[in-house]
Protein backbone atom coordinates (compact mmCIF):
# COMPACT_ATOMS: atom_id res chain seq x y z
CA UNK A 1 -6.17 3.05 -30.00
CA UNK A 2 -8.72 4.41 -27.52
CA UNK A 3 -8.44 4.99 -23.79
CA UNK A 4 -11.26 4.71 -21.26
CA UNK A 5 -11.73 5.86 -17.68
CA UNK A 6 -11.50 3.48 -14.73
CA UNK A 7 -14.73 5.10 -13.50
CA UNK A 8 -16.49 4.11 -16.72
CA UNK A 9 -18.42 7.36 -17.16
CA UNK A 10 -16.28 9.21 -19.70
CA UNK A 11 -16.22 8.64 -23.44
CA UNK A 12 -13.23 6.85 -25.02
CA UNK A 13 -10.48 9.21 -26.17
CA UNK A 14 -7.25 9.15 -28.17
CA UNK A 15 -3.81 8.87 -26.62
CA UNK A 16 -3.16 12.59 -27.08
CA UNK A 17 -6.39 13.51 -25.31
CA UNK A 18 -5.75 11.05 -22.47
CA UNK A 19 -2.20 12.32 -22.04
CA UNK A 20 -2.97 16.02 -22.26
CA UNK A 21 -6.01 15.78 -19.98
CA UNK A 22 -4.25 13.60 -17.41
CA UNK A 23 -7.39 12.77 -15.44
CA UNK A 24 -10.64 11.74 -17.14
CA UNK A 25 -13.62 14.13 -16.81
CA UNK A 26 -15.37 11.65 -14.49
CA UNK A 27 -12.39 11.68 -12.12
CA UNK A 28 -11.12 8.29 -13.25
CA UNK A 29 -7.73 7.28 -14.64
CA UNK A 30 -7.24 6.49 -18.29
CA UNK A 31 -6.49 2.91 -19.29
CA UNK A 32 -6.39 1.31 -22.78
CA UNK A 33 -9.81 0.15 -23.96
CA UNK A 34 -8.23 -2.91 -25.57
CA UNK A 35 -4.84 -4.50 -25.05
CA UNK A 36 -2.69 -4.92 -28.18
CA UNK A 37 -0.16 -7.74 -28.16
CA UNK A 38 3.58 -7.79 -28.80
CA UNK A 39 4.36 -10.07 -31.70
CA UNK A 40 5.94 -13.48 -31.21
CA UNK A 41 8.85 -12.35 -33.39
CA UNK A 42 9.45 -9.36 -31.12
CA UNK A 43 9.40 -11.46 -27.96
CA UNK A 44 11.63 -14.16 -29.48
CA UNK A 45 14.22 -11.54 -30.43
CA UNK A 46 13.88 -9.19 -27.47
CA UNK A 47 17.31 -10.13 -26.08
CA UNK A 48 18.90 -8.53 -29.15
CA UNK A 49 17.04 -5.23 -28.81
CA UNK A 50 18.17 -2.02 -27.16
CA UNK A 51 16.12 -0.17 -24.57
CA UNK A 52 15.25 2.42 -27.21
CA UNK A 53 14.16 -0.22 -29.74
CA UNK A 54 11.95 -1.84 -27.14
CA UNK A 55 10.53 1.59 -26.31
CA UNK A 56 9.61 2.23 -29.92
CA UNK A 57 7.90 -1.14 -30.38
CA UNK A 58 5.87 -0.75 -27.18
CA UNK A 59 4.92 2.87 -27.91
CA UNK A 60 3.83 2.00 -31.42
CA UNK A 61 1.10 -0.20 -29.95
CA UNK A 62 -0.46 2.71 -28.07
CA UNK A 63 0.47 5.92 -29.90
CA UNK A 64 -1.02 6.17 -33.39
CA UNK A 65 -0.94 9.96 -33.73
CA UNK A 66 2.77 10.34 -34.51
CA UNK A 67 4.59 8.88 -37.48
CA UNK A 68 7.37 6.35 -36.92
CA UNK A 69 10.17 8.85 -37.52
CA UNK A 70 8.95 11.40 -34.95
CA UNK A 71 8.03 8.74 -32.40
CA UNK A 72 11.47 7.15 -32.69
CA UNK A 73 13.16 10.56 -32.44
CA UNK A 74 11.25 11.41 -29.26
CA UNK A 75 12.13 8.10 -27.62
CA UNK A 76 15.80 8.26 -28.59
CA UNK A 77 16.06 11.79 -27.15
CA UNK A 78 14.10 11.02 -23.99
CA UNK A 79 15.63 7.66 -23.06
CA UNK A 80 19.28 8.46 -23.69
CA UNK A 81 20.59 6.51 -20.69
CA UNK A 82 20.81 2.86 -19.70
CA UNK A 83 19.00 0.61 -17.21
CA UNK A 84 21.51 -2.18 -16.48
CA UNK A 85 20.65 -5.40 -14.69
CA UNK A 86 23.07 -6.16 -11.85
CA UNK A 87 23.39 -9.59 -10.23
CA UNK A 88 23.48 -9.85 -6.43
CA UNK A 89 23.37 -13.63 -6.32
CA UNK A 90 21.97 -16.58 -8.25
CA UNK A 91 18.35 -15.61 -7.60
CA UNK A 92 18.32 -11.87 -6.86
CA UNK A 93 19.04 -9.21 -9.49
CA UNK A 94 18.79 -5.42 -9.35
CA UNK A 95 17.50 -3.35 -12.25
CA UNK A 96 19.20 0.05 -11.92
CA UNK A 97 16.71 2.71 -13.02
CA UNK A 98 18.65 5.72 -11.71
CA UNK A 99 21.00 6.53 -14.57
CA UNK A 100 18.96 9.45 -15.91
CA UNK A 101 19.70 13.13 -15.25
CA UNK A 102 17.97 13.31 -11.83
CA UNK A 103 19.13 9.84 -10.70
CA UNK A 104 15.64 8.37 -10.29
CA UNK A 105 13.36 6.12 -12.30
CA UNK A 106 10.96 9.03 -12.76
CA UNK A 107 13.30 10.31 -15.49
CA UNK A 108 11.86 7.70 -17.87
CA UNK A 109 8.34 9.07 -17.57
CA UNK A 110 9.13 12.77 -17.30
CA UNK A 111 11.49 12.95 -20.28
CA UNK A 112 9.17 10.88 -22.47
CA UNK A 113 6.18 13.01 -21.52
CA UNK A 114 7.89 16.32 -22.19
CA UNK A 115 8.67 15.34 -25.75
CA UNK A 116 5.29 13.75 -26.36
CA UNK A 117 3.41 16.75 -24.99
CA UNK A 118 5.42 19.12 -27.18
CA UNK A 119 4.54 16.98 -30.22
CA UNK A 120 0.88 16.37 -29.37
CA UNK A 121 -0.36 19.69 -27.94
CA UNK A 122 -2.86 21.20 -30.34
CA UNK A 123 -3.53 24.69 -28.92
CA UNK A 124 -0.24 26.50 -29.47
CA UNK A 125 -1.83 29.82 -28.46
CA UNK A 126 -2.19 28.77 -24.82
CA UNK A 127 0.41 27.60 -22.36
CA UNK A 128 0.02 24.02 -21.21
CA UNK A 129 0.19 23.94 -17.41
CA UNK A 130 1.74 20.76 -15.97
CA UNK A 131 0.35 20.33 -12.46
CA UNK A 132 1.97 17.57 -10.42
CA UNK A 133 2.17 16.43 -6.82
CA UNK A 134 5.42 14.88 -5.68
CA UNK A 135 6.56 12.86 -2.69
CA UNK A 136 10.18 13.29 -3.74
CA UNK A 137 11.64 12.15 -7.04
CA UNK A 138 8.74 12.99 -9.37
CA UNK A 139 9.25 16.70 -8.80
CA UNK A 140 12.89 16.83 -9.80
CA UNK A 141 12.35 14.52 -12.79
CA UNK A 142 9.44 16.58 -14.07
CA UNK A 143 11.34 19.82 -13.47
CA UNK A 144 14.31 18.65 -15.51
CA UNK A 145 12.24 16.82 -18.11
CA UNK A 146 10.15 19.89 -18.97
CA UNK A 147 12.76 22.55 -18.24
CA UNK A 148 12.77 25.20 -20.95
CA UNK A 149 10.17 23.46 -23.13
CA UNK A 150 8.41 26.22 -25.05
CA UNK A 151 4.71 26.71 -24.35
CA UNK A 152 4.73 24.54 -21.21
CA UNK A 153 4.72 25.76 -17.60
CA UNK A 154 5.31 23.40 -14.66
CA UNK A 155 3.79 23.70 -11.19
CA UNK A 156 4.99 21.20 -8.58
CA UNK A 157 3.27 20.64 -5.23
CA UNK A 158 5.37 18.98 -2.54
CA UNK A 159 4.82 18.40 1.21
CA UNK A 160 6.87 20.80 3.32
CA UNK A 161 9.51 19.06 5.41
CA UNK A 162 8.67 15.62 4.03
CA UNK A 163 11.15 15.22 1.19
CA UNK A 164 14.91 14.79 1.50
CA UNK A 165 17.17 17.85 1.34
CA UNK A 166 18.61 16.78 -1.99
CA UNK A 167 15.16 16.09 -3.43
CA UNK A 168 13.98 19.51 -2.33
CA UNK A 169 17.04 21.18 -3.83
CA UNK A 170 16.45 19.40 -7.12
CA UNK A 171 12.82 20.42 -7.45
CA UNK A 172 13.12 23.99 -6.13
CA UNK A 173 16.19 25.19 -8.01
CA UNK A 174 15.24 24.51 -11.63
CA UNK A 175 13.86 27.99 -12.34
CA UNK A 176 12.75 29.12 -15.80
CA UNK A 177 9.31 27.63 -16.49
CA UNK A 178 9.21 25.55 -13.27
CA UNK A 179 7.55 26.71 -10.01
CA UNK A 180 7.57 24.73 -6.75
CA UNK A 181 4.71 25.08 -4.25
CA UNK A 182 5.64 24.02 -0.71
CA UNK A 183 2.41 22.72 0.80
CA UNK A 184 1.69 22.61 4.51
CA UNK A 185 0.54 18.97 4.49
CA UNK A 186 1.32 15.46 3.30
CA UNK A 187 1.81 14.05 -0.19
CA UNK A 188 -1.76 12.75 -0.07
CA UNK A 189 -2.91 16.33 0.55
CA UNK A 190 -0.92 17.53 -2.45
CA UNK A 191 -2.30 14.73 -4.60
CA UNK A 192 -5.87 15.48 -3.50
CA UNK A 193 -5.47 19.17 -4.44
CA UNK A 194 -4.13 18.22 -7.88
CA UNK A 195 -7.07 15.87 -8.47
CA UNK A 196 -9.48 18.60 -7.38
CA UNK A 197 -7.93 20.93 -9.93
CA UNK A 198 -8.37 18.44 -12.75
CA UNK A 199 -11.99 17.79 -11.70
CA UNK A 200 -12.78 21.52 -11.55
CA UNK A 201 -14.63 22.15 -14.82
CA UNK A 202 -14.57 25.92 -14.44
CA UNK A 203 -10.81 25.99 -13.83
CA UNK A 204 -10.20 23.74 -16.83
CA UNK A 205 -12.14 26.11 -19.06
CA UNK A 206 -9.79 28.91 -18.06
CA UNK A 207 -6.50 26.98 -17.96
CA UNK A 208 -5.07 24.22 -20.13
CA UNK A 209 -4.03 21.72 -17.43
CA UNK A 210 -2.26 18.41 -17.65
CA UNK A 211 -0.56 16.06 -15.21
CA UNK A 212 2.90 14.55 -14.96
CA UNK A 213 2.10 12.25 -12.05
CA UNK A 214 1.53 8.56 -12.55
CA UNK A 215 -2.17 9.36 -12.79
CA UNK A 216 -1.21 10.24 -16.38
CA UNK A 217 -1.15 7.28 -18.77
CA UNK A 218 1.75 8.88 -20.63
CA UNK A 219 3.88 8.49 -17.49
CA UNK A 220 3.25 4.76 -17.35
CA UNK A 221 3.91 3.99 -20.99
CA UNK A 222 7.71 4.53 -20.89
CA UNK A 223 7.89 2.66 -17.59
CA UNK A 224 6.82 -0.44 -19.48
CA UNK A 225 10.01 -0.21 -21.54
CA UNK A 226 12.42 -1.18 -18.80
CA UNK A 227 10.45 -4.21 -17.67
CA UNK A 228 10.91 -5.75 -21.10
CA UNK A 229 14.52 -4.55 -21.19
CA UNK A 230 15.12 -6.39 -17.91
CA UNK A 231 13.76 -9.57 -19.49
CA UNK A 232 16.02 -8.94 -22.49
CA UNK A 233 19.09 -8.82 -20.22
CA UNK A 234 18.24 -11.98 -18.28
CA UNK A 235 20.24 -15.13 -18.79
CA UNK A 236 17.49 -17.45 -17.64
CA UNK A 237 15.00 -19.91 -19.08
CA UNK A 238 12.45 -18.87 -16.46
CA UNK A 239 10.29 -15.73 -16.61
CA UNK A 240 11.22 -13.47 -13.69
CA UNK A 241 9.39 -12.27 -10.63
CA UNK A 242 9.54 -8.47 -10.39
CA UNK A 243 9.82 -6.93 -6.93
CA UNK A 244 8.66 -3.31 -7.04
CA UNK A 245 9.11 -0.69 -4.28
CA UNK A 246 5.65 0.86 -4.28
CA UNK A 247 4.05 4.11 -3.14
CA UNK A 248 1.52 5.45 -5.62
CA UNK A 249 1.75 2.12 -7.48
CA UNK A 250 2.40 3.58 -10.94
CA UNK A 251 5.60 1.57 -11.34
CA UNK A 252 3.89 -1.70 -10.49
CA UNK A 253 0.95 -0.83 -12.74
CA UNK A 254 3.34 -0.34 -15.64
CA UNK A 255 4.71 -3.84 -15.03
CA UNK A 256 1.22 -5.31 -15.01
CA UNK A 257 0.51 -3.44 -18.25
CA UNK A 258 3.65 -4.93 -19.81
CA UNK A 259 2.42 -8.36 -18.75
CA UNK A 260 -0.95 -7.56 -20.32
CA UNK A 261 0.65 -7.01 -23.75
CA UNK A 262 2.61 -10.25 -23.62
CA UNK A 263 5.74 -9.80 -21.51
CA UNK A 264 6.77 -13.15 -20.00
CA UNK A 265 6.64 -12.84 -16.20
CA UNK A 266 5.98 -15.19 -13.31
CA UNK A 267 4.55 -12.66 -10.87
CA UNK A 268 4.99 -9.39 -9.02
CA UNK A 269 5.87 -8.44 -5.45
CA UNK A 270 4.51 -5.17 -4.07
CA UNK A 271 7.09 -3.91 -1.56
CA UNK A 272 5.88 -1.11 0.70
CA UNK A 273 7.03 0.71 3.80
CA UNK A 274 4.66 1.34 6.73
CA UNK A 275 2.12 2.68 4.21
CA UNK A 276 0.79 -0.81 3.63
CA UNK A 277 -2.79 -0.46 2.40
CA UNK A 278 -2.20 -2.68 -0.65
CA UNK A 279 -0.44 -5.58 1.12
CA UNK A 280 -3.26 -5.49 3.66
CA UNK A 281 -5.82 -5.53 0.87
CA UNK A 282 -4.17 -8.60 -0.63
CA UNK A 283 -4.52 -10.33 2.74
CA UNK A 284 -7.97 -9.16 3.81
CA UNK A 285 -9.79 -8.03 0.68
CA UNK A 286 -10.50 -4.68 2.33
CA UNK A 287 -9.02 -1.54 0.75
CA UNK A 288 -8.78 1.01 3.53
CA UNK A 289 -6.90 4.20 2.59
CA UNK A 290 -5.57 6.23 5.48
CA UNK A 291 -3.34 9.18 6.20
CA UNK A 292 0.20 8.52 5.04
CA UNK A 293 2.95 7.80 7.55
CA UNK A 294 6.34 9.46 7.26
CA UNK A 295 9.26 7.06 6.67
CA UNK A 296 12.88 7.11 5.48
CA UNK A 297 11.68 5.80 2.09
CA UNK A 298 9.68 8.99 1.64
CA UNK A 299 8.79 8.69 -2.05
CA UNK A 300 6.61 5.75 -1.01
CA UNK A 301 4.77 7.61 1.75
CA UNK A 302 1.35 7.31 0.14
CA UNK A 303 -1.72 6.32 2.11
CA UNK A 304 -4.19 6.30 -0.79
CA UNK A 305 -2.36 5.16 -3.94
CA UNK A 306 -4.06 6.50 -7.07
CA UNK A 307 -2.97 3.72 -9.38
CA UNK A 308 -4.70 1.07 -7.34
CA UNK A 309 -7.79 2.01 -9.36
CA UNK A 310 -5.96 0.90 -12.50
CA UNK A 311 -4.77 -2.31 -10.88
CA UNK A 312 -8.29 -3.24 -9.81
CA UNK A 313 -9.56 -2.40 -13.29
CA UNK A 314 -6.95 -4.69 -14.87
CA UNK A 315 -8.36 -7.57 -12.85
CA UNK A 316 -12.03 -6.54 -13.04
CA UNK A 317 -12.05 -5.91 -9.30
CA UNK A 318 -11.50 -9.62 -8.67
CA UNK A 319 -9.26 -10.09 -5.64
CA UNK A 320 -8.60 -13.76 -6.35
CA UNK A 321 -7.35 -12.98 -9.86
CA UNK A 322 -5.10 -10.23 -8.53
CA UNK A 323 -3.68 -12.52 -5.84
CA UNK A 324 -2.57 -14.95 -8.55
CA UNK A 325 -0.27 -12.25 -9.94
CA UNK A 326 0.66 -10.13 -6.92
CA UNK A 327 2.15 -10.81 -3.49
CA UNK A 328 2.77 -7.99 -1.03
CA UNK A 329 4.80 -7.19 2.06
CA UNK A 330 5.55 -4.10 4.15
CA UNK A 331 8.53 -3.13 6.29
CA UNK A 332 9.45 -0.68 9.04
CA UNK A 333 12.26 1.87 8.93
CA UNK A 334 14.35 -0.39 11.17
CA UNK A 335 13.93 -3.28 8.73
CA UNK A 336 14.79 -0.94 5.87
CA UNK A 337 18.02 0.16 7.53
CA UNK A 338 18.90 -3.47 8.24
CA UNK A 339 18.37 -4.25 4.55
CA UNK A 340 20.74 -1.42 3.54
CA UNK A 341 23.35 -2.85 5.91
CA UNK A 342 22.81 -6.45 4.76
CA UNK A 343 23.13 -5.65 1.05
CA UNK A 344 26.32 -3.68 1.67
CA UNK A 345 27.91 -6.36 3.87
CA UNK A 346 26.89 -9.33 1.74
CA UNK A 347 27.31 -7.91 -1.76
CA UNK A 348 29.42 -4.74 -1.38
CA UNK A 349 26.55 -2.92 -3.06
CA UNK A 350 24.84 0.25 -1.82
CA UNK A 351 21.08 0.71 -2.13
CA UNK A 352 18.83 3.65 -1.33
CA UNK A 353 16.00 3.16 1.23
CA UNK A 354 13.36 2.46 -1.45
CA UNK A 355 15.45 -0.23 -3.10
CA UNK A 356 16.19 -1.59 0.38
CA UNK A 357 12.46 -2.09 0.92
CA UNK A 358 12.40 -3.99 -2.38
CA UNK A 359 15.36 -6.11 -1.34
CA UNK A 360 13.78 -6.97 2.00
CA UNK A 361 10.53 -7.96 0.27
CA UNK A 362 12.38 -10.14 -2.24
CA UNK A 363 14.32 -11.87 0.51
CA UNK A 364 11.19 -12.42 2.61
CA UNK A 365 9.42 -13.88 -0.41
CA UNK A 366 12.28 -16.31 -1.07
CA UNK A 367 12.49 -17.25 2.62
CA UNK A 368 8.79 -17.53 3.43
CA UNK A 369 6.61 -17.61 0.32
CA UNK A 370 8.72 -19.19 -2.42
CA UNK A 371 6.47 -21.10 -4.77
CA UNK A 372 3.51 -18.76 -4.27
CA UNK A 373 3.34 -18.24 -8.04
CA UNK A 374 4.09 -21.91 -8.76
CA UNK A 375 7.55 -20.98 -10.02
CA UNK A 376 10.66 -23.09 -10.46
CA UNK A 377 13.30 -22.79 -7.71
CA UNK A 378 15.62 -21.19 -10.28
CA UNK A 379 13.23 -18.35 -11.16
CA UNK A 380 15.08 -15.03 -10.85
CA UNK A 381 13.71 -12.18 -8.73
CA UNK A 382 14.40 -8.73 -10.18
CA UNK A 383 14.35 -5.85 -7.69
CA UNK A 384 13.63 -2.47 -9.24
CA UNK A 385 16.14 0.07 -7.91
CA UNK A 386 14.32 3.36 -8.17
CA UNK A 387 16.85 5.97 -6.97
CA UNK A 388 20.59 6.52 -6.65
CA UNK A 389 21.79 6.03 -3.04
CA UNK A 390 23.50 9.44 -3.03
CA UNK A 391 20.07 11.07 -2.87
CA UNK A 392 19.67 9.60 0.62
CA UNK A 393 23.17 9.83 2.02
CA UNK A 394 21.87 11.14 5.37
CA UNK A 395 20.06 7.81 5.87
CA UNK A 396 22.55 5.44 4.29
CA UNK A 397 25.94 6.71 5.47
CA UNK A 398 25.32 6.15 9.22
CA UNK A 399 24.16 2.61 8.42
CA UNK A 400 27.09 1.48 6.26
CA UNK A 401 29.75 3.66 7.89
CA UNK A 402 30.90 4.96 4.53
CA UNK A 403 30.38 8.15 2.57
CA UNK A 404 28.27 7.81 -0.58
CA UNK A 405 29.89 9.70 -3.48
CA UNK A 406 27.59 12.34 -4.97
CA UNK A 407 27.55 12.42 -8.80
CA UNK A 408 28.33 15.81 -10.32
CA UNK A 409 24.87 16.28 -11.81
CA UNK A 410 23.38 15.88 -8.35
CA UNK A 411 25.97 18.00 -6.54
CA UNK A 412 25.40 20.91 -8.92
CA UNK A 413 22.00 21.75 -7.38
CA UNK A 414 23.09 21.71 -3.74
CA UNK A 415 24.57 25.21 -3.64
CA UNK A 416 21.73 26.89 -5.52
CA UNK A 417 19.23 28.95 -3.50
CA UNK A 418 15.93 27.24 -2.81
CA UNK A 419 13.02 28.91 -4.60
CA UNK A 420 9.58 27.83 -3.45
CA UNK A 421 6.21 29.41 -2.72
CA UNK A 422 4.49 28.37 0.51
CA UNK A 423 0.92 27.17 0.09
CA UNK A 424 -1.76 26.26 2.63
CA UNK A 425 -3.41 22.86 2.38
CA UNK A 426 -6.47 24.51 0.85
CA UNK A 427 -7.70 23.84 -2.69
CA UNK A 428 -9.40 27.22 -3.05
CA UNK A 429 -6.12 28.99 -2.34
CA UNK A 430 -4.36 26.81 -4.90
CA UNK A 431 -7.10 27.58 -7.42
CA UNK A 432 -6.76 31.32 -6.84
CA UNK A 433 -2.99 31.13 -7.21
CA UNK A 434 -3.20 29.14 -10.45
CA UNK A 435 -5.59 31.62 -12.03
CA UNK A 436 -3.61 34.63 -10.88
CA UNK A 437 -0.33 33.14 -12.13
CA UNK A 438 -1.31 31.44 -15.36
CA UNK A 439 -4.64 32.79 -16.66
CA UNK A 440 -2.96 35.48 -18.75
CA UNK A 441 -0.79 32.83 -20.39
CA UNK A 442 2.34 34.50 -19.04
């Protein structure tokens, strides 16, 4: 299996090279050169398979550098939690992706990557530096996923004052091999600095860098697992529509990748907050990145989503083809709060702000655009729930008038002292800090 760059100017590489490099040398994102297919036997029997079994079968299509025993061991250790499908009503279902250690869907990618990197890294004499930008949940998931892994150091960039208190506590209190850089800027600024680092040839000669953001193909691979697991849990004769809360669009890209290898699906809904460049593109054909806007669904505050390059590549840049598979909608903070209230009142179910955006998009689709994909009126809509509501109690509790219980593994970080290093929104200063901190391999 070979992986190519979306920019088309880098040579094809193996999975280990694509994963450990993160970004291709030409600045593009890695994508499979060819798309293997799940077997008919696998798809026919998917309802009898566990999440871990599905993960192994999917990974086997893309990872040919580990034997079956080690690959299975890594998946079983990484994905040691469930992703249950919960029914709201006859049409709408919620796929709960927040049962991992940091209560966010990013646990799937971070835990998988930490084990794969440990198995695949070839230069054991140099520390591997994981450099990642986070708009919220990625940071804590990466911190916990790589915590204490020998030979790997983690550097997280997050926008100062633009993540929730709990998110900040999670990503700044890990310690050990994890360092948090508090950047005076937005998530897009953090992401731009990370991309500059990966494109800096001189820096990459001196440091062994890799990424844990969704720019890394190894982050997307395990996110394909739960799409198929959702299908496995469905009691329906009709392939589902997946409604995906979207910021950097890695989660949605993983769903499209699962479709590409044979997953039965009717279509996808891209649900965004005020950062609506993709829904606008679907309507106008013009992709116009802009500065991100701050919202209560902060992990989706992305004005220039990296993974849109992969999405366009999947459809050869053809807008009409993409529109056949993807419908998009965006919502304000007021609409998001109303969705939180509506779900609680109608279903006695509590959702975080990101899932609320997904719910509102699913409901708007059913009310206003049903049949867009040519589906049957009984086709289920699965909303991906990306974070536990307790992570956003300050937003949710005033809306529902109830306190959201905080799980023990989340509460444990709240009393720890925050440990972060302030950083200007300046790539040269980041570069200097990276070399000073990591060049010696310490």
